[in-house]
Protein backbone atom coordinates (compact mmCIF):
# COMPACT_ATOMS: atom_id res chain seq x y z
CA MET A 1 -18.85 -46.29 -8.21
CA THR A 2 -20.48 -45.91 -11.57
CA LEU A 3 -19.43 -43.60 -14.57
CA LEU A 4 -21.78 -40.87 -16.24
CA PRO A 5 -24.91 -42.50 -17.15
CA THR A 6 -26.45 -42.10 -20.65
CA GLU A 7 -29.15 -40.03 -19.11
CA PRO A 8 -27.96 -37.72 -16.31
CA PRO A 9 -29.73 -37.86 -13.33
CA ARG A 10 -32.86 -35.14 -12.77
CA LEU A 11 -31.81 -32.32 -10.61
CA VAL A 12 -33.83 -31.23 -7.66
CA PRO A 13 -33.90 -27.86 -6.73
CA THR A 14 -32.51 -27.16 -3.58
CA ARG A 15 -30.75 -23.95 -1.61
CA PRO A 16 -27.32 -24.74 -2.22
CA ALA A 17 -25.85 -22.72 1.14
CA ASP A 18 -28.35 -25.12 3.17
CA ASP A 19 -27.59 -28.13 1.55
CA ALA A 20 -23.52 -27.51 2.14
CA GLU A 21 -24.00 -26.95 5.89
CA VAL A 22 -25.95 -30.19 6.25
CA LEU A 23 -23.14 -31.76 3.98
CA PHE A 24 -20.79 -29.96 6.26
CA LYS A 25 -21.72 -31.68 9.46
CA GLU A 26 -22.92 -35.13 7.77
CA ALA A 27 -19.39 -35.30 6.22
CA HIS A 28 -17.70 -34.63 9.93
CA GLN A 29 -19.59 -36.91 11.39
CA ARG A 30 -18.84 -39.74 9.01
CA ARG A 31 -15.33 -39.16 9.34
CA ARG A 32 -15.41 -39.46 13.13
CA ARG A 33 -17.78 -42.40 13.13
CA ARG A 34 -15.32 -44.30 10.57
CA ARG A 35 -12.00 -43.32 12.32
CA ARG A 36 -13.52 -44.54 15.62
CA LEU A 37 -14.37 -47.89 13.51
CA LEU A 38 -10.76 -48.45 12.16
CA ALA A 39 -9.54 -47.62 15.60
CA GLY A 40 -11.18 -50.58 16.71
CA VAL A 41 -10.50 -52.77 13.86
CA PHE A 42 -6.70 -51.79 14.55
CA ILE A 43 -6.86 -53.16 18.31
CA LEU A 44 -8.56 -56.15 17.03
CA VAL A 45 -6.11 -56.85 14.57
CA VAL A 46 -3.34 -56.21 16.94
CA ALA A 47 -4.88 -58.74 19.45
CA ALA A 48 -5.90 -61.38 17.07
CA ALA A 49 -1.98 -61.29 15.81
CA ALA A 50 -1.12 -61.96 19.58
CA THR A 51 -2.91 -64.83 19.56
CA GLY A 52 -2.08 -66.41 16.30
CA VAL A 53 -5.76 -65.83 15.00
CA ALA A 54 -6.40 -64.63 11.49
CA VAL A 55 -8.75 -61.62 10.81
CA VAL A 56 -9.60 -60.31 7.58
CA VAL A 57 -10.70 -56.61 7.42
CA GLY A 58 -11.54 -54.11 4.96
CA GLY A 59 -8.37 -51.79 4.89
CA SER A 60 -6.03 -50.69 2.44
CA HIS A 61 -4.18 -53.80 0.81
CA PRO A 62 -1.25 -53.73 -1.58
CA HIS A 63 -2.92 -56.16 -3.89
CA ASN A 64 -6.34 -54.33 -4.05
CA ALA A 65 -4.52 -51.07 -4.71
CA GLY A 66 -5.35 -50.18 -8.14
CA ARG A 67 -8.17 -52.86 -8.97
CA VAL A 68 -10.06 -51.12 -11.71
CA ALA A 69 -13.64 -50.74 -10.52
CA THR A 70 -15.31 -50.73 -13.77
CA PRO A 71 -14.36 -51.30 -17.30
CA ALA A 72 -16.10 -48.31 -18.86
CA ARG A 73 -14.35 -44.84 -19.20
CA THR A 74 -15.26 -41.13 -19.98
CA PRO A 75 -12.43 -39.45 -21.85
CA LEU A 76 -12.50 -35.56 -21.84
CA GLN A 77 -14.05 -33.62 -24.49
CA ASN A 78 -13.29 -30.11 -25.36
CA VAL A 79 -11.75 -28.65 -22.15
CA GLY A 80 -8.65 -28.22 -23.53
CA THR A 81 -5.07 -29.52 -21.64
CA THR A 82 -4.44 -26.30 -19.61
CA GLN A 83 -6.08 -24.21 -16.93
CA ARG A 84 -8.40 -27.21 -15.91
CA ILE A 85 -9.99 -27.82 -12.50
CA ALA A 86 -12.13 -30.33 -11.18
CA TRP A 87 -14.89 -30.40 -8.72
CA VAL A 88 -17.58 -32.54 -7.25
CA ASP A 89 -21.30 -31.11 -7.47
CA TYR A 90 -24.04 -31.46 -4.78
CA GLN A 91 -25.46 -34.64 -6.70
CA ARG A 92 -21.85 -36.19 -6.16
CA ARG A 93 -20.73 -35.94 -9.60
CA VAL A 94 -17.24 -35.20 -10.61
CA HIS A 95 -16.84 -32.04 -13.34
CA ILE A 96 -13.61 -31.33 -15.11
CA GLY A 97 -13.41 -27.35 -16.90
CA ASN A 98 -11.42 -25.16 -18.33
CA LEU A 99 -11.00 -21.80 -16.73
CA GLN A 100 -10.48 -19.87 -20.01
CA THR A 101 -13.03 -21.08 -21.98
CA HIS A 102 -15.71 -22.10 -19.38
CA GLN A 103 -16.50 -25.44 -20.85
CA GLN A 104 -16.92 -28.46 -18.32
CA GLN A 105 -17.62 -31.90 -18.61
CA VAL A 106 -18.83 -34.54 -15.84
CA VAL A 107 -16.55 -37.53 -15.77
CA ALA A 108 -17.83 -39.61 -12.87
CA THR A 109 -20.65 -40.04 -10.70
CA GLY A 110 -20.82 -41.26 -7.16
CA GLY A 111 -17.46 -39.31 -6.48
CA GLY A 112 -17.19 -38.41 -2.74
CA ASP A 113 -18.78 -35.00 -1.77
CA ALA A 114 -18.76 -31.55 -2.31
CA THR A 115 -17.46 -31.06 1.23
CA THR A 116 -13.95 -32.55 0.82
CA PRO A 117 -11.58 -31.02 -1.72
CA LEU A 118 -10.55 -33.43 -4.31
CA VAL A 119 -6.59 -34.49 -4.76
CA ALA A 120 -4.57 -34.33 -7.63
CA SER A 121 -1.08 -36.15 -8.84
CA GLY A 122 -0.01 -36.34 -11.77
CA ASN A 123 -2.58 -37.38 -14.35
CA THR A 124 -4.79 -38.66 -11.38
CA LEU A 125 -7.53 -37.41 -9.67
CA PHE A 126 -8.31 -38.89 -6.47
CA TRP A 127 -11.52 -38.65 -4.11
CA VAL A 128 -12.67 -40.50 -1.11
CA SER A 129 -16.04 -42.34 -1.51
CA GLY A 130 -16.21 -45.15 0.72
CA ASN A 131 -12.78 -46.40 -0.85
CA VAL A 132 -10.25 -44.36 -2.52
CA MET A 133 -11.08 -43.73 -5.98
CA ALA A 134 -8.72 -42.98 -8.96
CA TYR A 135 -9.78 -41.02 -12.28
CA ASP A 136 -7.27 -41.12 -14.86
CA VAL A 137 -7.42 -37.73 -16.77
CA ALA A 138 -5.48 -39.00 -20.00
CA THR A 139 -7.76 -42.22 -20.13
CA GLY A 140 -10.58 -41.82 -18.58
CA HIS A 141 -10.42 -44.55 -16.47
CA VAL A 142 -11.86 -44.96 -13.34
CA ARG A 143 -10.54 -47.27 -10.64
CA THR A 144 -10.46 -48.44 -6.77
CA PHE A 145 -7.02 -47.07 -5.81
CA ALA A 146 -7.15 -48.37 -2.12
CA ARG A 147 -9.68 -50.12 -0.06
CA GLY A 148 -11.42 -47.91 3.01
CA GLY A 149 -9.54 -44.46 3.35
CA LEU A 150 -10.53 -41.45 5.25
CA GLN A 151 -8.39 -38.93 3.77
CA VAL A 152 -5.81 -38.99 0.87
CA PHE A 153 -3.00 -36.19 0.22
CA ASN A 154 0.00 -35.61 -1.85
CA ALA A 155 3.48 -36.51 -0.89
CA VAL A 156 6.12 -33.93 -0.82
CA GLY A 157 8.24 -33.71 -4.22
CA SER A 158 7.03 -36.86 -6.03
CA THR A 159 3.58 -38.10 -7.41
CA ASP A 160 3.37 -40.42 -4.55
CA VAL A 161 0.29 -40.24 -2.17
CA TYR A 162 -0.70 -40.88 1.25
CA VAL A 163 -4.00 -42.64 2.32
CA GLU A 164 -4.80 -42.68 6.04
CA SER A 165 -7.33 -45.54 6.75
CA GLY A 166 -6.22 -46.27 10.52
CA ASP A 167 -2.88 -46.02 9.74
CA LEU A 168 -0.92 -44.19 7.11
CA ALA A 169 0.39 -45.78 4.05
CA ARG A 170 2.12 -43.82 1.06
CA TYR A 171 1.76 -45.47 -2.59
CA ARG A 172 2.98 -45.13 -6.07
CA LEU A 173 0.69 -43.84 -8.55
CA ASP A 174 0.27 -47.40 -9.95
CA GLY A 175 -0.82 -48.34 -6.88
CA ARG A 176 2.11 -50.03 -5.45
CA LEU A 177 2.62 -49.89 -1.56
CA VAL A 178 6.11 -47.89 -0.60
CA GLU A 179 5.72 -47.75 3.21
CA ARG A 180 2.95 -47.87 6.07
CA PHE A 181 3.14 -46.16 9.11
CA ARG A 182 1.14 -46.49 12.60
CA PHE A 183 0.35 -43.11 14.25
CA PRO A 184 1.89 -42.60 17.79
CA ASP A 185 -0.57 -43.02 20.56
CA GLY A 186 -2.80 -39.86 21.34
CA TRP A 187 -2.10 -38.30 17.96
CA TYR A 188 -3.89 -38.06 14.55
CA LEU A 189 -3.61 -36.74 11.20
CA ALA A 190 -4.54 -33.24 11.18
CA ASP A 191 -7.84 -33.54 9.91
CA ALA A 192 -8.59 -30.04 7.57
CA GLU A 193 -12.59 -30.13 8.87
CA LEU A 194 -13.65 -29.68 4.97
CA ALA A 195 -12.17 -26.66 4.99
CA GLY A 196 -9.36 -26.55 2.04
CA ASP A 197 -7.87 -29.93 3.39
CA PRO A 198 -4.15 -28.41 3.72
CA SER A 199 -1.95 -31.27 3.17
CA PRO A 200 -0.43 -32.91 6.34
CA ALA A 201 2.85 -33.80 4.39
CA LEU A 202 5.66 -31.25 5.16
CA ALA A 203 9.47 -31.10 4.64
CA ASP A 204 11.84 -34.02 5.63
CA GLY A 205 9.21 -36.82 5.84
CA GLY A 206 7.43 -34.66 8.47
CA ILE A 207 3.76 -34.90 8.75
CA LEU A 208 1.43 -32.57 10.64
CA VAL A 209 -0.74 -34.17 13.49
CA GLN A 210 -2.84 -33.03 16.19
CA SER A 211 -3.85 -34.61 19.95
CA GLN A 212 -7.66 -34.63 19.09
CA THR A 213 -9.80 -35.82 16.05
CA THR A 214 -11.86 -32.63 15.99
CA ILE A 215 -11.73 -28.99 16.66
CA SER A 216 -11.98 -28.04 20.56
CA ALA A 217 -15.01 -26.10 19.44
CA GLU A 218 -17.05 -29.46 19.21
CA THR A 219 -16.42 -30.68 22.53
CA ALA A 220 -17.68 -28.98 25.56
CA GLY A 221 -14.84 -28.66 28.14
CA ALA A 222 -12.07 -30.68 26.25
CA LYS A 223 -8.79 -29.39 26.09
CA PRO A 224 -7.13 -27.48 23.15
CA SER A 225 -5.87 -29.62 20.57
CA ARG A 226 -1.80 -29.78 20.16
CA LEU A 227 -0.77 -29.44 16.82
CA ALA A 228 2.50 -30.92 16.18
CA VAL A 229 4.87 -32.00 13.46
CA TRP A 230 5.49 -36.08 13.48
CA THR A 231 8.47 -37.94 11.67
CA PRO A 232 7.63 -41.19 11.47
CA ALA A 233 11.33 -42.19 10.27
CA THR A 234 12.45 -41.16 13.92
CA GLY A 235 9.14 -41.20 15.78
CA SER A 236 9.86 -37.57 17.32
CA ILE A 237 6.73 -35.25 17.74
CA ARG A 238 7.53 -31.72 18.04
CA PRO A 239 4.67 -29.40 19.49
CA LEU A 240 4.03 -26.18 17.45
CA GLY A 241 1.24 -25.00 20.09
CA ASP A 242 -2.83 -25.34 20.97
CA VAL A 243 -4.29 -25.37 17.69
CA TRP A 244 -8.09 -24.22 16.72
CA LYS A 245 -7.89 -24.84 12.89
CA VAL A 246 -5.10 -25.38 10.29
CA VAL A 247 -5.57 -22.52 7.56
CA ALA A 248 -2.79 -23.78 4.84
CA THR A 249 0.53 -25.33 4.57
CA TYR A 250 3.47 -25.07 2.17
CA THR A 251 6.64 -27.12 1.42
CA ASP A 252 9.02 -26.45 -1.86
CA ILE A 253 9.55 -29.24 -3.94
CA ARG A 254 13.01 -29.79 -2.67
CA SER A 255 11.15 -30.88 0.58
CA ALA A 256 13.99 -28.11 2.22
CA THR A 257 11.46 -26.01 4.24
CA SER A 258 7.65 -25.93 5.09
CA LEU A 259 5.28 -22.98 6.45
CA VAL A 260 2.46 -23.85 8.34
CA ALA A 261 -0.65 -21.13 8.88
CA TRP A 262 -2.92 -21.66 11.76
CA LEU A 263 -5.57 -20.21 13.93
CA PRO A 264 -4.43 -20.86 17.86
CA ALA A 265 -6.69 -22.45 20.37
CA THR A 266 -7.69 -18.98 21.35
CA CYS A 267 -9.48 -18.29 18.55
CA LEU A 268 -12.33 -19.86 19.90
CA THR A 269 -13.33 -16.98 22.08
CA SER A 270 -11.39 -13.81 20.85
CA ASP A 271 -12.81 -11.49 18.21
CA THR A 272 -9.53 -10.46 17.18
CA CYS A 273 -7.72 -13.71 16.73
CA LEU A 274 -4.18 -13.29 15.29
CA LEU A 275 -2.75 -15.89 12.19
CA GLN A 276 0.05 -17.63 13.31
CA LEU A 277 2.83 -18.28 10.53
CA THR A 278 5.16 -21.30 11.60
CA ASP A 279 8.49 -21.69 9.70
CA VAL A 280 8.78 -25.19 10.55
CA GLY A 281 12.60 -25.79 10.06
CA THR A 282 13.53 -23.13 12.53
CA GLY A 283 10.34 -22.94 15.10
CA ALA A 284 10.13 -19.04 14.34
CA THR A 285 6.08 -18.11 14.56
CA ASP A 286 5.15 -14.95 13.06
CA LYS A 287 1.67 -13.05 14.04
CA ILE A 288 -0.45 -11.45 11.46
CA ARG A 289 -3.62 -9.22 12.39
CA SER A 290 -6.36 -8.54 9.94
CA PRO A 291 -6.68 -4.95 8.76
CA LEU A 292 -10.55 -5.41 9.60
CA GLY A 293 -10.11 -5.54 13.21
CA PHE A 294 -11.68 -9.11 13.18
CA GLY A 295 -10.13 -12.33 13.00
CA PHE A 296 -9.92 -14.55 10.30
CA ASP A 297 -12.29 -17.20 8.40
CA PHE A 298 -11.25 -20.97 7.55
CA GLY A 299 -9.85 -21.50 4.33
CA GLY A 300 -6.59 -20.24 2.61
CA ALA A 301 -3.73 -21.41 0.57
CA PHE A 302 -0.09 -20.77 -0.22
CA SER A 303 0.99 -19.89 -3.86
CA PRO A 304 3.00 -22.44 -5.57
CA ASN A 305 5.95 -20.62 -4.62
CA GLY A 306 5.32 -20.05 -0.73
CA ARG A 307 5.72 -16.28 -1.14
CA GLN A 308 1.92 -15.55 -0.75
CA LEU A 309 -0.53 -16.39 1.38
CA ALA A 310 -4.38 -16.58 0.41
CA VAL A 311 -6.68 -16.02 3.70
CA PHE A 312 -10.29 -14.57 4.57
CA ALA A 313 -10.78 -11.95 6.70
CA GLU A 314 -13.75 -11.78 9.20
CA SER A 315 -16.61 -9.07 8.31
CA ASN A 316 -17.83 -8.95 12.11
CA SER A 317 -17.24 -10.24 15.27
CA GLY A 318 -20.18 -12.49 15.55
CA ASP A 319 -20.53 -16.58 15.47
CA TYR A 320 -22.38 -15.76 12.00
CA ASN A 321 -20.47 -14.13 9.25
CA PRO A 322 -22.76 -13.29 6.20
CA GLU A 323 -19.48 -12.72 3.74
CA THR A 324 -15.83 -12.80 4.07
CA ARG A 325 -12.95 -10.67 2.50
CA LEU A 326 -10.10 -12.11 0.33
CA ALA A 327 -6.87 -10.80 1.48
CA LEU A 328 -3.11 -11.51 0.17
CA ILE A 329 -0.13 -11.56 2.55
CA ASP A 330 3.15 -11.09 1.67
CA VAL A 331 5.23 -13.79 3.71
CA ALA A 332 8.50 -12.38 3.68
CA ARG A 333 6.81 -8.78 4.71
CA LEU A 334 4.24 -10.08 6.60
CA SER A 335 2.04 -7.24 4.91
CA LEU A 336 -1.37 -7.73 3.97
CA ARG A 337 -3.85 -6.20 1.46
CA LEU A 338 -7.34 -6.96 1.01
CA VAL A 339 -8.71 -7.80 -2.56
CA PRO A 340 -11.82 -4.84 -3.34
CA GLY A 341 -13.57 -7.16 -5.60
CA ALA A 342 -13.71 -10.56 -4.04
CA THR A 343 -16.12 -9.83 -1.03
CA ILE A 344 -17.57 -13.84 -0.71
CA LYS A 345 -20.43 -14.85 1.08
CA ILE A 346 -20.50 -17.79 3.29
CA GLY A 347 -23.02 -17.98 5.99
CA ASP A 348 -20.94 -20.73 7.90
CA SER A 349 -17.16 -19.33 8.66
CA LEU A 350 -15.27 -20.68 5.91
CA ALA A 351 -14.43 -20.17 2.11
CA TRP A 352 -11.59 -21.79 0.06
CA ALA A 353 -8.69 -20.52 -2.15
CA ASN A 354 -6.66 -22.57 -5.28
CA TRP A 355 -3.64 -20.85 -6.87
CA LEU A 356 -2.86 -21.74 -10.50
CA PRO A 357 0.57 -22.05 -11.87
CA GLY A 358 2.71 -19.19 -12.03
CA SER A 359 1.86 -17.90 -8.51
CA SER A 360 -0.09 -14.86 -10.08
CA GLN A 361 -3.43 -16.34 -10.30
CA LEU A 362 -6.03 -17.90 -7.87
CA ILE A 363 -9.41 -18.91 -7.75
CA VAL A 364 -11.53 -18.42 -4.74
CA GLY A 365 -14.98 -18.97 -3.35
CA GLY A 366 -17.65 -19.75 -0.72
CA LEU A 367 -21.32 -20.76 -0.91
CA SER A 368 -23.52 -20.37 -3.74
CA GLY A 369 -26.63 -19.22 -3.25
CA LYS A 370 -29.91 -16.64 -3.83
CA ASP A 371 -29.67 -13.05 -2.78
CA GLY A 372 -32.82 -10.76 -1.34
CA SER A 373 -34.05 -10.28 -5.23
CA GLY A 374 -33.72 -13.99 -6.13
CA SER A 375 -30.85 -13.87 -8.68
CA TRP A 376 -27.43 -15.84 -8.07
CA PRO A 377 -24.80 -13.33 -7.69
CA ALA A 378 -21.01 -14.37 -8.58
CA ASN A 379 -19.46 -16.01 -5.58
CA GLN A 380 -16.44 -17.34 -6.94
CA PHE A 381 -13.53 -15.43 -8.73
CA ARG A 382 -10.44 -15.50 -10.28
CA VAL A 383 -8.26 -12.84 -9.06
CA ASP A 384 -4.77 -11.74 -10.25
CA SER A 385 -2.43 -11.24 -7.03
CA GLU A 386 -0.88 -8.41 -8.69
CA THR A 387 -3.04 -6.06 -9.74
CA LEU A 388 -6.10 -7.56 -7.28
CA HIS A 389 -8.45 -7.48 -10.54
CA SER A 390 -11.14 -10.16 -10.05
CA THR A 391 -13.29 -11.94 -12.61
CA PRO A 392 -16.30 -13.72 -11.63
CA ILE A 393 -16.23 -17.84 -12.41
CA ARG A 394 -19.28 -19.64 -13.27
CA PHE A 395 -19.35 -22.81 -15.49
CA LEU A 396 -23.04 -23.56 -14.76
CA ALA A 397 -26.20 -21.57 -14.24
CA ASP A 398 -27.19 -24.29 -11.36
CA ALA A 399 -25.62 -23.29 -8.50
CA ASN A 400 -25.82 -26.91 -7.07
CA GLN A 401 -23.30 -27.86 -9.78
CA ASN A 402 -20.98 -25.43 -10.27
CA VAL A 403 -17.48 -25.05 -8.65
CA ASN A 404 -17.76 -25.24 -4.67
CA TYR A 405 -15.34 -26.00 -1.65
CA SER A 406 -14.19 -29.48 -3.55
CA VAL A 407 -12.45 -27.70 -6.04
CA VAL A 408 -8.39 -28.85 -7.37
CA VAL A 409 -6.33 -27.13 -9.95
CA LEU A 410 -5.01 -30.23 -12.17
CA PRO A 411 -1.42 -30.32 -12.91
């Protein structure tokens, strides 16, 4: 992990759409390999403990959490203090930018990859790059937050974060370990599969889990993966249904209620798949149909108050969708509106959405690339959910450096 060098590395011209598809596959394979490795390490440690043999492994340890990776720092300049977002470009550089002024700054290099969303909590920005790294937005310091790590996500109602590294650990922002859990046999953290990383943390201490480490579409002949809510405090597991992909999750700040938007396993073979919207507290599930007559693409997000859900409607029935349409769902009325100015080029069947504080504004996007004329059309937008007006977002002319799937809104 290194901070911004005095001379930025030379950018090699590439085709961003192709790069992204390769990165999606590589990142997914990397997660699967590391999960198998960590599972093996866990078995080794248990066996060693039974025989009294000490084993040292590279996991997340309380005394390692919070260790500073480098004494250098990159303070923020000229990006303001409001409406800020962060993302990782295709050269693994972490940017922070201002949505009002479109000023941006590279604050770190070697920061994760462009296929996995960053995580923000308090004044700290997290990403996974071998270890879980943390960037302090206020001071510019980068440190190793936890050794190892596959995923990092926010806890509900606090600035604590969870780190998955074979088991599941909860940390304070200063790196202190709060508690550690072992996953039930046959269950795994619900993996967002590179499409928005909806938080697995739910109301009342629940954690969203599934019975397979990958979506069933990737395993020929595999049974559908079961989606469930696991409560570590009691050990209980409450199934929600057979799942293809989790689209988004929402939990109110009091941790009183949670909503989960997901695509059922039938979406693997159906051209008219219905989006499932489950109230975790009551167990009730509503079904939502796309007005375009097809199903929904991967990716989406609930507004901060949980009243609206941004999703992406498929534009055709084929396996390859050249573009997707942003749609806004009124959660109470279960009504859906298509946003006319936010047609997004995707190639692969996924897009991203992030809401800004206040619930009325959101940013959305997909891949960046050249069209038939050789120009770079706008493919990221800021959208007003009340008027449905959309405005293109572009911080940098080079799409390899611009906003992408890794984007997160800073508090």
